[in-house]
Amino acid sequence: MAHCQRLADAPTPEELFTGQWQNRPSVLDEYKPYLDDRWNDGCTNAWRLWEEIVPLGYKGSYQRVRAYLHKKRTSPRPVTARPPSPRAVAGWILRRPENLTETETLQLKAVRAHCPELDALTRHVRSFATMLTDRQGQHLPDWLDAVRQDDLPSLHTLAAGIDRDRAAVIAGLTLPWNSGVVEGHVNRLKMLKRQMFGRAGFHLLRKRVLLA
C-alpha cells in the first residue's frame, strides 16, 4: 500500500524510475560521461544537450536525457555515469586513438581525469606503441626511465624484463627483420603433430610437411 501511495504522490514522471529499473542498461549510458562534462561546464539545458549528443550517435529519446539531468539536479548525492568495465578501459587504451569513437574518447578522457595511474599507463602504452609501429627503438631508454618515474608496479616488472635484454629489444624495435615467418612454421609443425596426437616421428612429420 505504501508503495502504491509513493507512486501516486510522485511529483514528476522521473520519480517513478526507482528501484530495480535504475540499474538496467540504457541507450544513454555511453553518452553520460559527455553529459557529465557539459554539466560541469555549466550547460544544464536538457534540450540543448540532447541536440548535442544526437550527432554523436544517440538514438534515444529527449525524455531520457531530461530524466537524467533532472536526477542530477534534484538528487542529494552526486549523480554521474557508471564507471566502465576494466575490459572496456583496457580496450580503449590498447587501440589507436584515431580508431576510438567520439564517445569512447570522451569516456577514456573521463577515466584518465579521475585516475592518475590510468592516465600514466595510457601515456606509456601509447608511446611504446609509437616506438613499435614507427621503429623508434632509440627512444626505449627514455621510455624505461619515464616508466620508472610512475608508481606502476606491473609496468616496472615489464621494464625490468626489457632492461635485461635491452640490446635485443632495441634491435627489434628498430630493424625491419623479425622472426614471424619462423614462428609461423613452428606453429604449423605443432599443429600437424597435434593432429596425430603427438605420435608423429621425424620421418612421418617430414612427409606431412612436404605434402602440406
C-alpha atoms as a PDB file:
ATOM      1  CA  MET A   1       0.000   0.000   0.000  1.00  0.00           C
ATOM      2  CA  ALA A   2       2.850   2.367   0.885  1.00  0.00           C
ATOM      3  CA  HIS A   3       4.483   1.601  -2.477  1.00  0.00           C
ATOM      4  CA  CYS A   4       1.291   2.492  -4.347  1.00  0.00           C
ATOM      5  CA  GLN A   5       0.927   5.693  -2.338  1.00  0.00           C
ATOM      6  CA  ARG A   6       4.502   6.690  -3.170  1.00  0.00           C
ATOM      7  CA  LEU A   7       3.808   6.235  -6.867  1.00  0.00           C
ATOM      8  CA  ALA A   8       0.575   8.184  -6.606  1.00  0.00           C
ATOM      9  CA  ASP A   9       2.337  11.070  -4.829  1.00  0.00           C
ATOM     10  CA  ALA A  10       5.280  11.272  -7.274  1.00  0.00           C
ATOM     11  CA  PRO A  11       5.586  14.940  -8.370  1.00  0.00           C
ATOM     12  CA  THR A  12       7.151  14.105 -11.755  1.00  0.00           C
ATOM     13  CA  PRO A  13       7.310  11.043 -14.032  1.00  0.00           C
ATOM     14  CA  GLU A  14      11.038  10.798 -13.383  1.00  0.00           C
ATOM     15  CA  GLU A  15      10.362   9.969  -9.736  1.00  0.00           C
ATOM     16  CA  LEU A  16       8.765   6.697 -10.866  1.00  0.00           C
ATOM     17  CA  PHE A  17      12.085   5.376 -12.217  1.00  0.00           C
ATOM     18  CA  THR A  18      13.487   3.968  -8.981  1.00  0.00           C
ATOM     19  CA  GLY A  19      14.448   0.551  -7.682  1.00  0.00           C
ATOM     20  CA  GLN A  20      15.494  -2.323  -9.955  1.00  0.00           C
ATOM     21  CA  TRP A  21      14.865  -0.358 -13.162  1.00  0.00           C
ATOM     22  CA  GLN A  22      17.637   2.104 -12.359  1.00  0.00           C
ATOM     23  CA  ASN A  23      20.409  -0.445 -12.827  1.00  0.00           C
ATOM     24  CA  ARG A  24      19.275  -1.702 -16.212  1.00  0.00           C
ATOM     25  CA  PRO A  25      21.411  -0.766 -19.228  1.00  0.00           C
ATOM     26  CA  SER A  26      20.204   2.316 -21.058  1.00  0.00           C
ATOM     27  CA  VAL A  27      20.895   3.656 -24.543  1.00  0.00           C
ATOM     28  CA  LEU A  28      22.009   6.823 -22.758  1.00  0.00           C
ATOM     29  CA  ASP A  29      24.746   5.127 -20.708  1.00  0.00           C
ATOM     30  CA  GLU A  30      27.646   5.665 -23.134  1.00  0.00           C
ATOM     31  CA  TYR A  31      26.728   9.351 -23.513  1.00  0.00           C
ATOM     32  CA  LYS A  32      26.501  10.103 -19.798  1.00  0.00           C
ATOM     33  CA  PRO A  33      30.235  10.992 -19.495  1.00  0.00           C
ATOM     34  CA  TYR A  34      29.664  13.636 -22.191  1.00  0.00           C
ATOM     35  CA  LEU A  35      26.604  14.940 -20.365  1.00  0.00           C
ATOM     36  CA  ASP A  36      28.576  14.988 -17.097  1.00  0.00           C
ATOM     37  CA  ASP A  37      31.367  17.015 -18.715  1.00  0.00           C
ATOM     38  CA  ARG A  38      28.928  19.508 -20.224  1.00  0.00           C
ATOM     39  CA  TRP A  39      27.046  19.716 -16.914  1.00  0.00           C
ATOM     40  CA  ASN A  40      30.312  20.528 -15.133  1.00  0.00           C
ATOM     41  CA  ASP A  41      30.972  23.167 -17.811  1.00  0.00           C
ATOM     42  CA  GLY A  42      27.724  24.855 -16.776  1.00  0.00           C
ATOM     43  CA  CYS A  43      25.414  23.621 -19.550  1.00  0.00           C
ATOM     44  CA  THR A  44      22.269  22.258 -17.855  1.00  0.00           C
ATOM     45  CA  ASN A  45      19.711  22.684 -20.642  1.00  0.00           C
ATOM     46  CA  ALA A  46      18.326  19.231 -21.451  1.00  0.00           C
ATOM     47  CA  TRP A  47      17.113  20.118 -24.951  1.00  0.00           C
ATOM     48  CA  ARG A  48      20.455  21.618 -25.945  1.00  0.00           C
ATOM     49  CA  LEU A  49      22.388  18.632 -24.612  1.00  0.00           C
ATOM     50  CA  TRP A  50      20.037  16.232 -26.381  1.00  0.00           C
ATOM     51  CA  GLU A  51      20.721  18.096 -29.643  1.00  0.00           C
ATOM     52  CA  GLU A  52      24.475  17.789 -28.990  1.00  0.00           C
ATOM     53  CA  ILE A  53      24.546  14.017 -28.439  1.00  0.00           C
ATOM     54  CA  VAL A  54      22.270  13.089 -31.361  1.00  0.00           C
ATOM     55  CA  PRO A  55      25.074  13.775 -33.910  1.00  0.00           C
ATOM     56  CA  LEU A  56      27.336  11.605 -31.738  1.00  0.00           C
ATOM     57  CA  GLY A  57      25.075   8.623 -32.398  1.00  0.00           C
ATOM     58  CA  TYR A  58      22.489   8.805 -29.607  1.00  0.00           C
ATOM     59  CA  LYS A  59      19.202   7.295 -30.815  1.00  0.00           C
ATOM     60  CA  GLY A  60      17.186   7.528 -27.612  1.00  0.00           C
ATOM     61  CA  SER A  61      14.502   9.981 -26.644  1.00  0.00           C
ATOM     62  CA  TYR A  62      14.785  13.503 -25.296  1.00  0.00           C
ATOM     63  CA  GLN A  63      12.867  12.355 -22.204  1.00  0.00           C
ATOM     64  CA  ARG A  64      15.757  10.081 -21.154  1.00  0.00           C
ATOM     65  CA  VAL A  65      18.173  12.993 -21.273  1.00  0.00           C
ATOM     66  CA  ARG A  66      15.733  15.183 -19.346  1.00  0.00           C
ATOM     67  CA  ALA A  67      15.206  12.496 -16.701  1.00  0.00           C
ATOM     68  CA  TYR A  68      18.963  12.033 -16.202  1.00  0.00           C
ATOM     69  CA  LEU A  69      19.560  15.775 -15.814  1.00  0.00           C
ATOM     70  CA  HIS A  70      16.561  16.093 -13.512  1.00  0.00           C
ATOM     71  CA  LYS A  71      18.063  13.413 -11.298  1.00  0.00           C
ATOM     72  CA  LYS A  72      21.425  15.238 -11.286  1.00  0.00           C
ATOM     73  CA  ARG A  73      19.622  18.441 -10.343  1.00  0.00           C
ATOM     74  CA  THR A  74      17.469  17.035  -7.530  1.00  0.00           C
ATOM     75  CA  SER A  75      19.417  14.119  -6.042  1.00  0.00           C
ATOM     76  CA  PRO A  76      21.050  14.803  -2.647  1.00  0.00           C
ATOM     77  CA  ARG A  77      24.080  12.820  -3.812  1.00  0.00           C
ATOM     78  CA  PRO A  78      26.115  13.469  -6.987  1.00  0.00           C
ATOM     79  CA  VAL A  79      24.753  11.580  -9.986  1.00  0.00           C
ATOM     80  CA  THR A  80      27.289  10.575 -12.633  1.00  0.00           C
ATOM     81  CA  ALA A  81      27.747   7.895 -15.260  1.00  0.00           C
ATOM     82  CA  ARG A  82      28.521   4.378 -14.061  1.00  0.00           C
ATOM     83  CA  PRO A  83      32.229   3.595 -14.409  1.00  0.00           C
ATOM     84  CA  PRO A  84      33.103   1.478 -17.461  1.00  0.00           C
ATOM     85  CA  SER A  85      34.306  -2.078 -17.044  1.00  0.00           C
ATOM     86  CA  PRO A  86      38.066  -2.798 -16.759  1.00  0.00           C
ATOM     87  CA  ARG A  87      37.892  -4.716 -20.049  1.00  0.00           C
ATOM     88  CA  ALA A  88      36.395  -1.713 -21.849  1.00  0.00           C
ATOM     89  CA  VAL A  89      39.035   0.652 -20.465  1.00  0.00           C
ATOM     90  CA  ALA A  90      41.830  -1.750 -21.426  1.00  0.00           C
ATOM     91  CA  GLY A  91      40.441  -1.929 -24.958  1.00  0.00           C
ATOM     92  CA  TRP A  92      40.358   1.873 -25.264  1.00  0.00           C
ATOM     93  CA  ILE A  93      43.952   2.160 -24.046  1.00  0.00           C
ATOM     94  CA  LEU A  94      45.277  -0.516 -26.411  1.00  0.00           C
ATOM     95  CA  ARG A  95      43.527   0.741 -29.531  1.00  0.00           C
ATOM     96  CA  ARG A  96      44.811   3.542 -31.716  1.00  0.00           C
ATOM     97  CA  PRO A  97      43.306   6.868 -30.562  1.00  0.00           C
ATOM     98  CA  GLU A  98      42.020   7.584 -34.072  1.00  0.00           C
ATOM     99  CA  ASN A  99      40.089   4.287 -34.045  1.00  0.00           C
ATOM    100  CA  LEU A 100      38.042   5.234 -30.974  1.00  0.00           C
ATOM    101  CA  THR A 101      34.584   6.676 -31.410  1.00  0.00           C
ATOM    102  CA  GLU A 102      33.937  10.144 -30.046  1.00  0.00           C
ATOM    103  CA  THR A 103      32.012   8.757 -27.079  1.00  0.00           C
ATOM    104  CA  GLU A 104      34.787   6.245 -26.307  1.00  0.00           C
ATOM    105  CA  THR A 105      37.324   9.067 -26.454  1.00  0.00           C
ATOM    106  CA  LEU A 106      35.231  11.088 -24.014  1.00  0.00           C
ATOM    107  CA  GLN A 107      34.808   8.127 -21.679  1.00  0.00           C
ATOM    108  CA  LEU A 108      38.551   7.423 -21.675  1.00  0.00           C
ATOM    109  CA  LYS A 109      39.204  11.115 -21.051  1.00  0.00           C
ATOM    110  CA  ALA A 110      36.909  10.991 -18.020  1.00  0.00           C
ATOM    111  CA  VAL A 111      38.618   7.851 -16.680  1.00  0.00           C
ATOM    112  CA  ARG A 112      42.073   9.401 -17.098  1.00  0.00           C
ATOM    113  CA  ALA A 113      40.952  12.597 -15.381  1.00  0.00           C
ATOM    114  CA  HIS A 114      39.776  10.652 -12.328  1.00  0.00           C
ATOM    115  CA  CYS A 115      42.659   8.162 -12.123  1.00  0.00           C
ATOM    116  CA  PRO A 116      46.259   9.442 -12.420  1.00  0.00           C
ATOM    117  CA  GLU A 117      47.590   5.874 -12.579  1.00  0.00           C
ATOM    118  CA  LEU A 118      45.474   5.019 -15.637  1.00  0.00           C
ATOM    119  CA  ASP A 119      46.432   8.341 -17.194  1.00  0.00           C
ATOM    120  CA  ALA A 120      50.121   7.485 -16.813  1.00  0.00           C
ATOM    121  CA  LEU A 121      49.531   3.931 -18.050  1.00  0.00           C
ATOM    122  CA  THR A 122      47.772   5.246 -21.164  1.00  0.00           C
ATOM    123  CA  ARG A 123      50.671   7.572 -21.944  1.00  0.00           C
ATOM    124  CA  HIS A 124      53.260   4.804 -21.581  1.00  0.00           C
ATOM    125  CA  VAL A 125      51.282   2.267 -23.623  1.00  0.00           C
ATOM    126  CA  ARG A 126      50.719   4.730 -26.459  1.00  0.00           C
ATOM    127  CA  SER A 127      54.321   5.906 -26.531  1.00  0.00           C
ATOM    128  CA  PHE A 128      55.511   2.282 -26.647  1.00  0.00           C
ATOM    129  CA  ALA A 129      53.051   1.585 -29.479  1.00  0.00           C
ATOM    130  CA  THR A 130      54.524   4.532 -31.389  1.00  0.00           C
ATOM    131  CA  MET A 131      58.044   3.134 -30.905  1.00  0.00           C
ATOM    132  CA  LEU A 132      56.873  -0.251 -32.142  1.00  0.00           C
ATOM    133  CA  THR A 133      54.989   0.884 -35.239  1.00  0.00           C
ATOM    134  CA  ASP A 134      57.429   3.619 -36.277  1.00  0.00           C
ATOM    135  CA  ARG A 135      60.605   1.622 -35.422  1.00  0.00           C
ATOM    136  CA  GLN A 136      61.905   4.180 -32.939  1.00  0.00           C
ATOM    137  CA  GLY A 137      63.978   1.842 -30.804  1.00  0.00           C
ATOM    138  CA  GLN A 138      66.390   4.662 -29.942  1.00  0.00           C
ATOM    139  CA  HIS A 139      63.695   6.073 -27.631  1.00  0.00           C
ATOM    140  CA  LEU A 140      63.489   2.910 -25.496  1.00  0.00           C
ATOM    141  CA  PRO A 141      65.953   4.072 -22.760  1.00  0.00           C
ATOM    142  CA  ASP A 142      63.930   7.265 -22.279  1.00  0.00           C
ATOM    143  CA  TRP A 143      60.715   5.222 -22.171  1.00  0.00           C
ATOM    144  CA  LEU A 144      62.150   2.937 -19.481  1.00  0.00           C
ATOM    145  CA  ASP A 145      63.224   5.952 -17.401  1.00  0.00           C
ATOM    146  CA  ALA A 146      59.755   7.508 -17.740  1.00  0.00           C
ATOM    147  CA  VAL A 147      58.059   4.264 -16.647  1.00  0.00           C
ATOM    148  CA  ARG A 148      60.193   4.101 -13.507  1.00  0.00           C
ATOM    149  CA  GLN A 149      59.086   7.601 -12.524  1.00  0.00           C
ATOM    150  CA  ASP A 150      55.477   6.481 -12.013  1.00  0.00           C
ATOM    151  CA  ASP A 151      54.040   4.206  -9.348  1.00  0.00           C
ATOM    152  CA  LEU A 152      53.022   1.378 -11.699  1.00  0.00           C
ATOM    153  CA  PRO A 153      54.407  -1.911 -10.316  1.00  0.00           C
ATOM    154  CA  SER A 154      53.199  -4.035 -13.242  1.00  0.00           C
ATOM    155  CA  LEU A 155      54.997  -1.794 -15.728  1.00  0.00           C
ATOM    156  CA  HIS A 156      58.087  -1.789 -13.518  1.00  0.00           C
ATOM    157  CA  THR A 157      58.191  -5.574 -13.841  1.00  0.00           C
ATOM    158  CA  LEU A 158      57.900  -5.282 -17.623  1.00  0.00           C
ATOM    159  CA  ALA A 159      60.608  -2.602 -17.723  1.00  0.00           C
ATOM    160  CA  ALA A 160      62.953  -4.781 -15.673  1.00  0.00           C
ATOM    161  CA  GLY A 161      62.476  -7.684 -18.092  1.00  0.00           C
ATOM    162  CA  ILE A 162      63.117  -5.446 -21.096  1.00  0.00           C
ATOM    163  CA  ASP A 163      66.192  -3.955 -19.463  1.00  0.00           C
ATOM    164  CA  ARG A 164      67.756  -7.412 -19.046  1.00  0.00           C
ATOM    165  CA  ASP A 165      67.704  -7.814 -22.840  1.00  0.00           C
ATOM    166  CA  ARG A 166      67.818  -4.162 -23.825  1.00  0.00           C
ATOM    167  CA  ALA A 167      70.027  -4.527 -26.913  1.00  0.00           C
ATOM    168  CA  ALA A 168      67.803  -7.204 -28.449  1.00  0.00           C
ATOM    169  CA  VAL A 169      64.632  -5.214 -27.730  1.00  0.00           C
ATOM    170  CA  ILE A 170      66.095  -2.060 -29.261  1.00  0.00           C
ATOM    171  CA  ALA A 171      67.061  -4.075 -32.336  1.00  0.00           C
ATOM    172  CA  GLY A 172      63.544  -5.497 -32.531  1.00  0.00           C
ATOM    173  CA  LEU A 173      62.058  -2.011 -32.303  1.00  0.00           C
ATOM    174  CA  THR A 174      64.431  -0.612 -34.916  1.00  0.00           C
ATOM    175  CA  LEU A 175      65.339  -3.189 -37.574  1.00  0.00           C
ATOM    176  CA  PRO A 176      62.898  -4.323 -40.298  1.00  0.00           C
ATOM    177  CA  TRP A 177      63.583  -8.040 -39.773  1.00  0.00           C
ATOM    178  CA  ASN A 178      61.621 -10.301 -37.440  1.00  0.00           C
ATOM    179  CA  SER A 179      61.120 -13.983 -36.699  1.00  0.00           C
ATOM    180  CA  GLY A 180      57.464 -14.008 -37.734  1.00  0.00           C
ATOM    181  CA  VAL A 181      57.982 -16.422 -40.631  1.00  0.00           C
ATOM    182  CA  VAL A 182      59.939 -18.866 -38.458  1.00  0.00           C
ATOM    183  CA  GLU A 183      57.295 -18.701 -35.719  1.00  0.00           C
ATOM    184  CA  GLY A 184      54.644 -19.404 -38.351  1.00  0.00           C
ATOM    185  CA  HIS A 185      56.422 -22.582 -39.471  1.00  0.00           C
ATOM    186  CA  VAL A 186      56.902 -23.703 -35.870  1.00  0.00           C
ATOM    187  CA  ASN A 187      53.193 -23.249 -35.175  1.00  0.00           C
ATOM    188  CA  ARG A 188      52.345 -25.225 -38.321  1.00  0.00           C
ATOM    189  CA  LEU A 189      54.581 -28.100 -37.187  1.00  0.00           C
ATOM    190  CA  LYS A 190      52.938 -28.094 -33.772  1.00  0.00           C
ATOM    191  CA  MET A 191      49.510 -28.213 -35.399  1.00  0.00           C
ATOM    192  CA  LEU A 192      50.468 -31.206 -37.576  1.00  0.00           C
ATOM    193  CA  LYS A 193      51.896 -33.024 -34.569  1.00  0.00           C
ATOM    194  CA  ARG A 194      48.742 -32.386 -32.527  1.00  0.00           C
ATOM    195  CA  GLN A 195      46.609 -33.735 -35.384  1.00  0.00           C
ATOM    196  CA  MET A 196      48.431 -37.065 -34.975  1.00  0.00           C
ATOM    197  CA  PHE A 197      48.035 -36.963 -31.189  1.00  0.00           C
ATOM    198  CA  GLY A 198      51.777 -36.460 -30.617  1.00  0.00           C
ATOM    199  CA  ARG A 199      52.773 -39.755 -32.242  1.00  0.00           C
ATOM    200  CA  ALA A 200      54.431 -38.287 -35.350  1.00  0.00           C
ATOM    201  CA  GLY A 201      58.070 -39.264 -35.625  1.00  0.00           C
ATOM    202  CA  PHE A 202      60.534 -37.186 -37.619  1.00  0.00           C
ATOM    203  CA  HIS A 203      60.144 -39.081 -40.925  1.00  0.00           C
ATOM    204  CA  LEU A 204      56.314 -39.045 -40.883  1.00  0.00           C
ATOM    205  CA  LEU A 205      56.262 -35.436 -39.807  1.00  0.00           C
ATOM    206  CA  ARG A 206      58.681 -34.550 -42.627  1.00  0.00           C
ATOM    207  CA  LYS A 207      56.436 -36.209 -45.193  1.00  0.00           C
ATOM    208  CA  ARG A 208      53.374 -34.370 -43.925  1.00  0.00           C
ATOM    209  CA  VAL A 209      55.200 -31.041 -44.041  1.00  0.00           C
ATOM    210  CA  LEU A 210      56.346 -31.651 -47.607  1.00  0.00           C
ATOM    211  CA  LEU A 211      52.872 -32.744 -48.708  1.00  0.00           C
ATOM    212  CA  ALA A 212      51.018 -29.959 -46.921  1.00  0.00           C
END
